[in-house]
Amino acid sequence: MRRFLQDLTWPMLAILCLTLGLAPFAPPHIWEKLSILVAHGRLAAPVDWFDLAMHGAPWLLVVAKLIWGRGE
């Protein structure tokens, strides 16, 4: 996993976050899903969990690279 994170470049992660991480752009799906999760404490449909995972993955990769991806 550490090797995978080291191979990911910052420009690639930026593109992933700005496209998949924020799509659709008004409002971003990740923001919408997180606000539903905070307000209601749960997401209703399985597709909501899928959306949260898909649009949150690039942001989690950024956090993981910041923590474990050093050593480049």
PDB file of N, CA and C in Angstrom:
ATOM      1  N   MET A   1       0.824  -1.182   0.000  1.00  0.00           N
ATOM      2  CA  MET A   1       0.000   0.000   0.000  1.00  0.00           C
ATOM      3  C   MET A   1       0.874   1.255   0.000  1.00  0.00           C
ATOM      4  N   ARG A   2       1.942   1.213   0.767  1.00  0.00           N
ATOM      5  CA  ARG A   2       2.842   2.359   0.835  1.00  0.00           C
ATOM      6  C   ARG A   2       3.455   2.634  -0.537  1.00  0.00           C
ATOM      7  N   ARG A   3       3.805   1.578  -1.251  1.00  0.00           N
ATOM      8  CA  ARG A   3       4.372   1.737  -2.603  1.00  0.00           C
ATOM      9  C   ARG A   3       3.342   2.367  -3.532  1.00  0.00           C
ATOM     10  N   PHE A   4       2.090   1.935  -3.433  1.00  0.00           N
ATOM     11  CA  PHE A   4       1.006   2.497  -4.241  1.00  0.00           C
ATOM     12  C   PHE A   4       0.864   3.993  -3.979  1.00  0.00           C
ATOM     13  N   LEU A   5       0.886   4.383  -2.715  1.00  0.00           N
ATOM     14  CA  LEU A   5       0.767   5.797  -2.358  1.00  0.00           C
ATOM     15  C   LEU A   5       1.970   6.602  -2.839  1.00  0.00           C
ATOM     16  N   GLN A   6       3.148   6.019  -2.802  1.00  0.00           N
ATOM     17  CA  GLN A   6       4.332   6.710  -3.288  1.00  0.00           C
ATOM     18  C   GLN A   6       4.283   6.911  -4.798  1.00  0.00           C
ATOM     19  N   ASP A   7       3.665   5.955  -5.498  1.00  0.00           N
ATOM     20  CA  ASP A   7       3.572   6.056  -6.955  1.00  0.00           C
ATOM     21  C   ASP A   7       2.517   7.055  -7.417  1.00  0.00           C
ATOM     22  N   LEU A   8       1.553   7.358  -6.561  1.00  0.00           N
ATOM     23  CA  LEU A   8       0.554   8.363  -6.909  1.00  0.00           C
ATOM     24  C   LEU A   8       1.192   9.741  -6.862  1.00  0.00           C
ATOM     25  N   THR A   9       1.043  10.488  -7.936  1.00  0.00           N
ATOM     26  CA  THR A   9       1.618  11.831  -7.957  1.00  0.00           C
ATOM     27  C   THR A   9       0.593  12.832  -7.430  1.00  0.00           C
ATOM     28  N   TRP A  10       1.091  13.960  -6.913  1.00  0.00           N
ATOM     29  CA  TRP A  10       0.199  14.993  -6.406  1.00  0.00           C
ATOM     30  C   TRP A  10      -0.671  15.582  -7.502  1.00  0.00           C
ATOM     31  N   PRO A  11      -0.156  15.820  -8.708  1.00  0.00           N
ATOM     32  CA  PRO A  11      -1.059  16.314  -9.764  1.00  0.00           C
ATOM     33  C   PRO A  11      -2.182  15.328 -10.093  1.00  0.00           C
ATOM     34  N   MET A  12      -1.876  14.034 -10.078  1.00  0.00           N
ATOM     35  CA  MET A  12      -2.904  13.027 -10.334  1.00  0.00           C
ATOM     36  C   MET A  12      -3.971  13.055  -9.246  1.00  0.00           C
ATOM     37  N   LEU A  13      -3.546  13.173  -7.999  1.00  0.00           N
ATOM     38  CA  LEU A  13      -4.501  13.253  -6.894  1.00  0.00           C
ATOM     39  C   LEU A  13      -5.335  14.524  -6.967  1.00  0.00           C
ATOM     40  N   ALA A  14      -4.717  15.622  -7.382  1.00  0.00           N
ATOM     41  CA  ALA A  14      -5.460  16.877  -7.523  1.00  0.00           C
ATOM     42  C   ALA A  14      -6.533  16.748  -8.593  1.00  0.00           C
ATOM     43  N   ILE A  15      -6.196  16.124  -9.705  1.00  0.00           N
ATOM     44  CA  ILE A  15      -7.182  15.916 -10.776  1.00  0.00           C
ATOM     45  C   ILE A  15      -8.312  15.026 -10.290  1.00  0.00           C
ATOM     46  N   LEU A  16      -7.981  13.949  -9.569  1.00  0.00           N
ATOM     47  CA  LEU A  16      -9.015  13.056  -9.035  1.00  0.00           C
ATOM     48  C   LEU A  16      -9.942  13.786  -8.073  1.00  0.00           C
ATOM     49  N   CYS A  17      -9.373  14.590  -7.193  1.00  0.00           N
ATOM     50  CA  CYS A  17     -10.191  15.310  -6.219  1.00  0.00           C
ATOM     51  C   CYS A  17     -11.071  16.361  -6.880  1.00  0.00           C
ATOM     52  N   LEU A  18     -10.530  17.052  -7.861  1.00  0.00           N
ATOM     53  CA  LEU A  18     -11.289  18.116  -8.509  1.00  0.00           C
ATOM     54  C   LEU A  18     -12.343  17.598  -9.481  1.00  0.00           C
ATOM     55  N   THR A  19     -12.175  16.378  -9.977  1.00  0.00           N
ATOM     56  CA  THR A  19     -13.170  15.817 -10.899  1.00  0.00           C
ATOM     57  C   THR A  19     -14.102  14.865 -10.154  1.00  0.00           C
ATOM     58  N   LEU A  20     -13.620  13.678  -9.843  1.00  0.00           N
ATOM     59  CA  LEU A  20     -14.461  12.672  -9.188  1.00  0.00           C
ATOM     60  C   LEU A  20     -14.835  13.082  -7.769  1.00  0.00           C
ATOM     61  N   GLY A  21     -13.920  13.704  -7.066  1.00  0.00           N
ATOM     62  CA  GLY A  21     -14.171  14.085  -5.677  1.00  0.00           C
ATOM     63  C   GLY A  21     -15.221  15.166  -5.507  1.00  0.00           C
ATOM     64  N   LEU A  22     -15.372  16.019  -6.498  1.00  0.00           N
ATOM     65  CA  LEU A  22     -16.338  17.109  -6.390  1.00  0.00           C
ATOM     66  C   LEU A  22     -17.526  16.988  -7.338  1.00  0.00           C
ATOM     67  N   ALA A  23     -17.508  16.021  -8.242  1.00  0.00           N
ATOM     68  CA  ALA A  23     -18.599  15.887  -9.220  1.00  0.00           C
ATOM     69  C   ALA A  23     -19.871  15.403  -8.541  1.00  0.00           C
ATOM     70  N   PRO A  24     -21.025  15.749  -8.989  1.00  0.00           N
ATOM     71  CA  PRO A  24     -21.353  16.931  -9.786  1.00  0.00           C
ATOM     72  C   PRO A  24     -21.079  18.174  -8.972  1.00  0.00           C
ATOM     73  N   PHE A  25     -20.843  19.271  -9.629  1.00  0.00           N
ATOM     74  CA  PHE A  25     -20.244  20.434  -8.983  1.00  0.00           C
ATOM     75  C   PHE A  25     -21.204  21.340  -8.233  1.00  0.00           C
ATOM     76  N   ALA A  26     -22.498  21.175  -8.395  1.00  0.00           N
ATOM     77  CA  ALA A  26     -23.438  22.076  -7.704  1.00  0.00           C
ATOM     78  C   ALA A  26     -24.600  21.292  -7.125  1.00  0.00           C
ATOM     79  N   PRO A  27     -24.665  20.965  -5.888  1.00  0.00           N
ATOM     80  CA  PRO A  27     -23.583  20.941  -4.902  1.00  0.00           C
ATOM     81  C   PRO A  27     -22.763  19.673  -5.070  1.00  0.00           C
ATOM     82  N   PRO A  28     -21.517  19.657  -4.601  1.00  0.00           N
ATOM     83  CA  PRO A  28     -20.708  18.434  -4.699  1.00  0.00           C
ATOM     84  C   PRO A  28     -21.384  17.273  -3.962  1.00  0.00           C
ATOM     85  N   HIS A  29     -21.372  16.107  -4.585  1.00  0.00           N
ATOM     86  CA  HIS A  29     -22.002  14.927  -3.988  1.00  0.00           C
ATOM     87  C   HIS A  29     -21.417  14.604  -2.619  1.00  0.00           C
ATOM     88  N   ILE A  30     -20.101  14.746  -2.497  1.00  0.00           N
ATOM     89  CA  ILE A  30     -19.469  14.395  -1.220  1.00  0.00           C
ATOM     90  C   ILE A  30     -19.998  15.290  -0.105  1.00  0.00           C
ATOM     91  N   TRP A  31     -20.161  16.568  -0.383  1.00  0.00           N
ATOM     92  CA  TRP A  31     -20.689  17.497   0.617  1.00  0.00           C
ATOM     93  C   TRP A  31     -22.134  17.156   0.951  1.00  0.00           C
ATOM     94  N   GLU A  32     -22.916  16.851  -0.066  1.00  0.00           N
ATOM     95  CA  GLU A  32     -24.326  16.503   0.120  1.00  0.00           C
ATOM     96  C   GLU A  32     -24.472  15.238   0.973  1.00  0.00           C
ATOM     97  N   LYS A  33     -23.686  14.212   0.656  1.00  0.00           N
ATOM     98  CA  LYS A  33     -23.771  12.947   1.402  1.00  0.00           C
ATOM     99  C   LYS A  33     -23.286  13.115   2.837  1.00  0.00           C
ATOM    100  N   LEU A  34     -22.221  13.863   3.034  1.00  0.00           N
ATOM    101  CA  LEU A  34     -21.728  14.082   4.396  1.00  0.00           C
ATOM    102  C   LEU A  34     -22.711  14.892   5.226  1.00  0.00           C
ATOM    103  N   SER A  35     -23.365  15.870   4.617  1.00  0.00           N
ATOM    104  CA  SER A  35     -24.340  16.655   5.382  1.00  0.00           C
ATOM    105  C   SER A  35     -25.561  15.813   5.749  1.00  0.00           C
ATOM    106  N   ILE A  36     -25.989  14.920   4.868  1.00  0.00           N
ATOM    107  CA  ILE A  36     -27.086  14.010   5.193  1.00  0.00           C
ATOM    108  C   ILE A  36     -26.672  13.078   6.329  1.00  0.00           C
ATOM    109  N   LEU A  37     -25.457  12.569   6.244  1.00  0.00           N
ATOM    110  CA  LEU A  37     -24.956  11.652   7.270  1.00  0.00           C
ATOM    111  C   LEU A  37     -24.866  12.335   8.629  1.00  0.00           C
ATOM    112  N   VAL A  38     -24.404  13.568   8.658  1.00  0.00           N
ATOM    113  CA  VAL A  38     -24.297  14.307   9.926  1.00  0.00           C
ATOM    114  C   VAL A  38     -25.679  14.673  10.457  1.00  0.00           C
ATOM    115  N   ALA A  39     -26.567  15.125   9.584  1.00  0.00           N
ATOM    116  CA  ALA A  39     -27.889  15.581  10.021  1.00  0.00           C
ATOM    117  C   ALA A  39     -28.776  14.431  10.492  1.00  0.00           C
ATOM    118  N   HIS A  40     -28.749  13.316   9.769  1.00  0.00           N
ATOM    119  CA  HIS A  40     -29.665  12.210  10.070  1.00  0.00           C
ATOM    120  C   HIS A  40     -28.977  11.022  10.750  1.00  0.00           C
ATOM    121  N   GLY A  41     -27.647  11.001  10.733  1.00  0.00           N
ATOM    122  CA  GLY A  41     -26.925   9.909  11.363  1.00  0.00           C
ATOM    123  C   GLY A  41     -26.869   8.651  10.532  1.00  0.00           C
ATOM    124  N   ARG A  42     -27.425   8.705   9.334  1.00  0.00           N
ATOM    125  CA  ARG A  42     -27.408   7.528   8.449  1.00  0.00           C
ATOM    126  C   ARG A  42     -27.712   7.973   7.029  1.00  0.00           C
ATOM    127  N   LEU A  43     -27.351   7.091   6.109  1.00  0.00           N
ATOM    128  CA  LEU A  43     -27.727   7.286   4.712  1.00  0.00           C
ATOM    129  C   LEU A  43     -28.793   6.254   4.392  1.00  0.00           C
ATOM    130  N   ALA A  44     -29.821   6.666   3.674  1.00  0.00           N
ATOM    131  CA  ALA A  44     -31.007   5.831   3.503  1.00  0.00           C
ATOM    132  C   ALA A  44     -30.805   4.682   2.531  1.00  0.00           C
ATOM    133  N   ALA A  45     -30.304   4.950   1.369  1.00  0.00           N
ATOM    134  CA  ALA A  45     -30.245   3.937   0.311  1.00  0.00           C
ATOM    135  C   ALA A  45     -28.810   3.446   0.109  1.00  0.00           C
ATOM    136  N   PRO A  46     -28.661   2.206  -0.368  1.00  0.00           N
ATOM    137  CA  PRO A  46     -27.312   1.692  -0.664  1.00  0.00           C
ATOM    138  C   PRO A  46     -26.567   2.554  -1.687  1.00  0.00           C
ATOM    139  N   VAL A  47     -27.294   3.155  -2.607  1.00  0.00           N
ATOM    140  CA  VAL A  47     -26.636   4.009  -3.602  1.00  0.00           C
ATOM    141  C   VAL A  47     -26.008   5.229  -2.938  1.00  0.00           C
ATOM    142  N   ASP A  48     -26.559   5.679  -1.818  1.00  0.00           N
ATOM    143  CA  ASP A  48     -25.964   6.796  -1.090  1.00  0.00           C
ATOM    144  C   ASP A  48     -24.607   6.398  -0.505  1.00  0.00           C
ATOM    145  N   TRP A  49     -24.495   5.183   0.009  1.00  0.00           N
ATOM    146  CA  TRP A  49     -23.223   4.691   0.528  1.00  0.00           C
ATOM    147  C   TRP A  49     -22.209   4.538  -0.599  1.00  0.00           C
ATOM    148  N   PHE A  50     -22.674   4.052  -1.745  1.00  0.00           N
ATOM    149  CA  PHE A  50     -21.798   3.923  -2.907  1.00  0.00           C
ATOM    150  C   PHE A  50     -21.286   5.301  -3.330  1.00  0.00           C
ATOM    151  N   ASP A  51     -22.191   6.278  -3.397  1.00  0.00           N
ATOM    152  CA  ASP A  51     -21.800   7.647  -3.760  1.00  0.00           C
ATOM    153  C   ASP A  51     -20.773   8.208  -2.779  1.00  0.00           C
ATOM    154  N   LEU A  52     -21.003   8.007  -1.502  1.00  0.00           N
ATOM    155  CA  LEU A  52     -20.071   8.494  -0.487  1.00  0.00           C
ATOM    156  C   LEU A  52     -18.694   7.848  -0.667  1.00  0.00           C
ATOM    157  N   ALA A  53     -18.666   6.551  -0.900  1.00  0.00           N
ATOM    158  CA  ALA A  53     -17.394   5.849  -1.092  1.00  0.00           C
ATOM    159  C   ALA A  53     -16.691   6.300  -2.369  1.00  0.00           C
ATOM    160  N   MET A  54     -17.442   6.427  -3.451  1.00  0.00           N
ATOM    161  CA  MET A  54     -16.841   6.781  -4.732  1.00  0.00           C
ATOM    162  C   MET A  54     -16.310   8.217  -4.730  1.00  0.00           C
ATOM    163  N   HIS A  55     -17.098   9.151  -4.231  1.00  0.00           N
ATOM    164  CA  HIS A  55     -16.676  10.543  -4.246  1.00  0.00           C
ATOM    165  C   HIS A  55     -15.726  10.878  -3.095  1.00  0.00           C
ATOM    166  N   GLY A  56     -15.686  10.039  -2.078  1.00  0.00           N
ATOM    167  CA  GLY A  56     -14.776  10.257  -0.964  1.00  0.00           C
ATOM    168  C   GLY A  56     -13.421   9.604  -1.135  1.00  0.00           C
ATOM    169  N   ALA A  57     -13.316   8.635  -2.034  1.00  0.00           N
ATOM    170  CA  ALA A  57     -12.060   7.903  -2.224  1.00  0.00           C
ATOM    171  C   ALA A  57     -10.873   8.803  -2.578  1.00  0.00           C
ATOM    172  N   PRO A  58     -11.024   9.747  -3.507  1.00  0.00           N
ATOM    173  CA  PRO A  58      -9.863  10.606  -3.802  1.00  0.00           C
ATOM    174  C   PRO A  58      -9.393  11.406  -2.591  1.00  0.00           C
ATOM    175  N   TRP A  59     -10.323  11.875  -1.782  1.00  0.00           N
ATOM    176  CA  TRP A  59      -9.957  12.643  -0.586  1.00  0.00           C
ATOM    177  C   TRP A  59      -9.259  11.745   0.435  1.00  0.00           C
ATOM    178  N   LEU A  60      -9.703  10.499   0.552  1.00  0.00           N
ATOM    179  CA  LEU A  60      -9.045   9.565   1.466  1.00  0.00           C
ATOM    180  C   LEU A  60      -7.638   9.224   0.984  1.00  0.00           C
ATOM    181  N   LEU A  61      -7.455   9.155  -0.337  1.00  0.00           N
ATOM    182  CA  LEU A  61      -6.122   8.904  -0.877  1.00  0.00           C
ATOM    183  C   LEU A  61      -5.176  10.070  -0.560  1.00  0.00           C
ATOM    184  N   VAL A  62      -5.679  11.285  -0.623  1.00  0.00           N
ATOM    185  CA  VAL A  62      -4.859  12.451  -0.274  1.00  0.00           C
ATOM    186  C   VAL A  62      -4.427  12.374   1.189  1.00  0.00           C
ATOM    187  N   VAL A  63      -5.368  12.063   2.071  1.00  0.00           N
ATOM    188  CA  VAL A  63      -5.040  11.947   3.495  1.00  0.00           C
ATOM    189  C   VAL A  63      -4.043  10.814   3.720  1.00  0.00           C
ATOM    190  N   ALA A  64      -4.264   9.675   3.071  1.00  0.00           N
ATOM    191  CA  ALA A  64      -3.351   8.541   3.225  1.00  0.00           C
ATOM    192  C   ALA A  64      -1.957   8.886   2.710  1.00  0.00           C
ATOM    193  N   LYS A  65      -1.880   9.593   1.591  1.00  0.00           N
ATOM    194  CA  LYS A  65      -0.566   9.974   1.062  1.00  0.00           C
ATOM    195  C   LYS A  65       0.134  10.961   1.993  1.00  0.00           C
ATOM    196  N   LEU A  66      -0.615  11.867   2.582  1.00  0.00           N
ATOM    197  CA  LEU A  66      -0.007  12.794   3.534  1.00  0.00           C
ATOM    198  C   LEU A  66       0.560  12.065   4.746  1.00  0.00           C
ATOM    199  N   ILE A  67      -0.133  11.026   5.182  1.00  0.00           N
ATOM    200  CA  ILE A  67       0.297  10.307   6.388  1.00  0.00           C
ATOM    201  C   ILE A  67       1.369   9.270   6.075  1.00  0.00           C
ATOM    202  N   TRP A  68       1.116   8.395   5.092  1.00  0.00           N
ATOM    203  CA  TRP A  68       1.987   7.247   4.857  1.00  0.00           C
ATOM    204  C   TRP A  68       2.794   7.316   3.566  1.00  0.00           C
ATOM    205  N   GLY A  69       2.508   8.249   2.698  1.00  0.00           N
ATOM    206  CA  GLY A  69       3.146   8.262   1.384  1.00  0.00           C
ATOM    207  C   GLY A  69       4.473   8.968   1.319  1.00  0.00           C
ATOM    208  N   ARG A  70       4.996   9.363   2.449  1.00  0.00           N
ATOM    209  CA  ARG A  70       6.290  10.052   2.447  1.00  0.00           C
ATOM    210  C   ARG A  70       7.404   9.083   2.106  1.00  0.00           C
ATOM    211  N   GLY A  71       8.541   9.610   1.851  1.00  0.00           N
ATOM    212  CA  GLY A  71       9.675   8.758   1.489  1.00  0.00           C
ATOM    213  C   GLY A  71       9.934   8.811   0.003  1.00  0.00           C
ATOM    214  N   GLU A  72       9.428   9.850  -0.654  1.00  0.00           N
ATOM    215  CA  GLU A  72       9.660   9.977  -2.090  1.00  0.00           C
ATOM    216  C   GLU A  72      11.000  10.612  -2.330  1.00  0.00           C
TER     217      GLU A  72
END
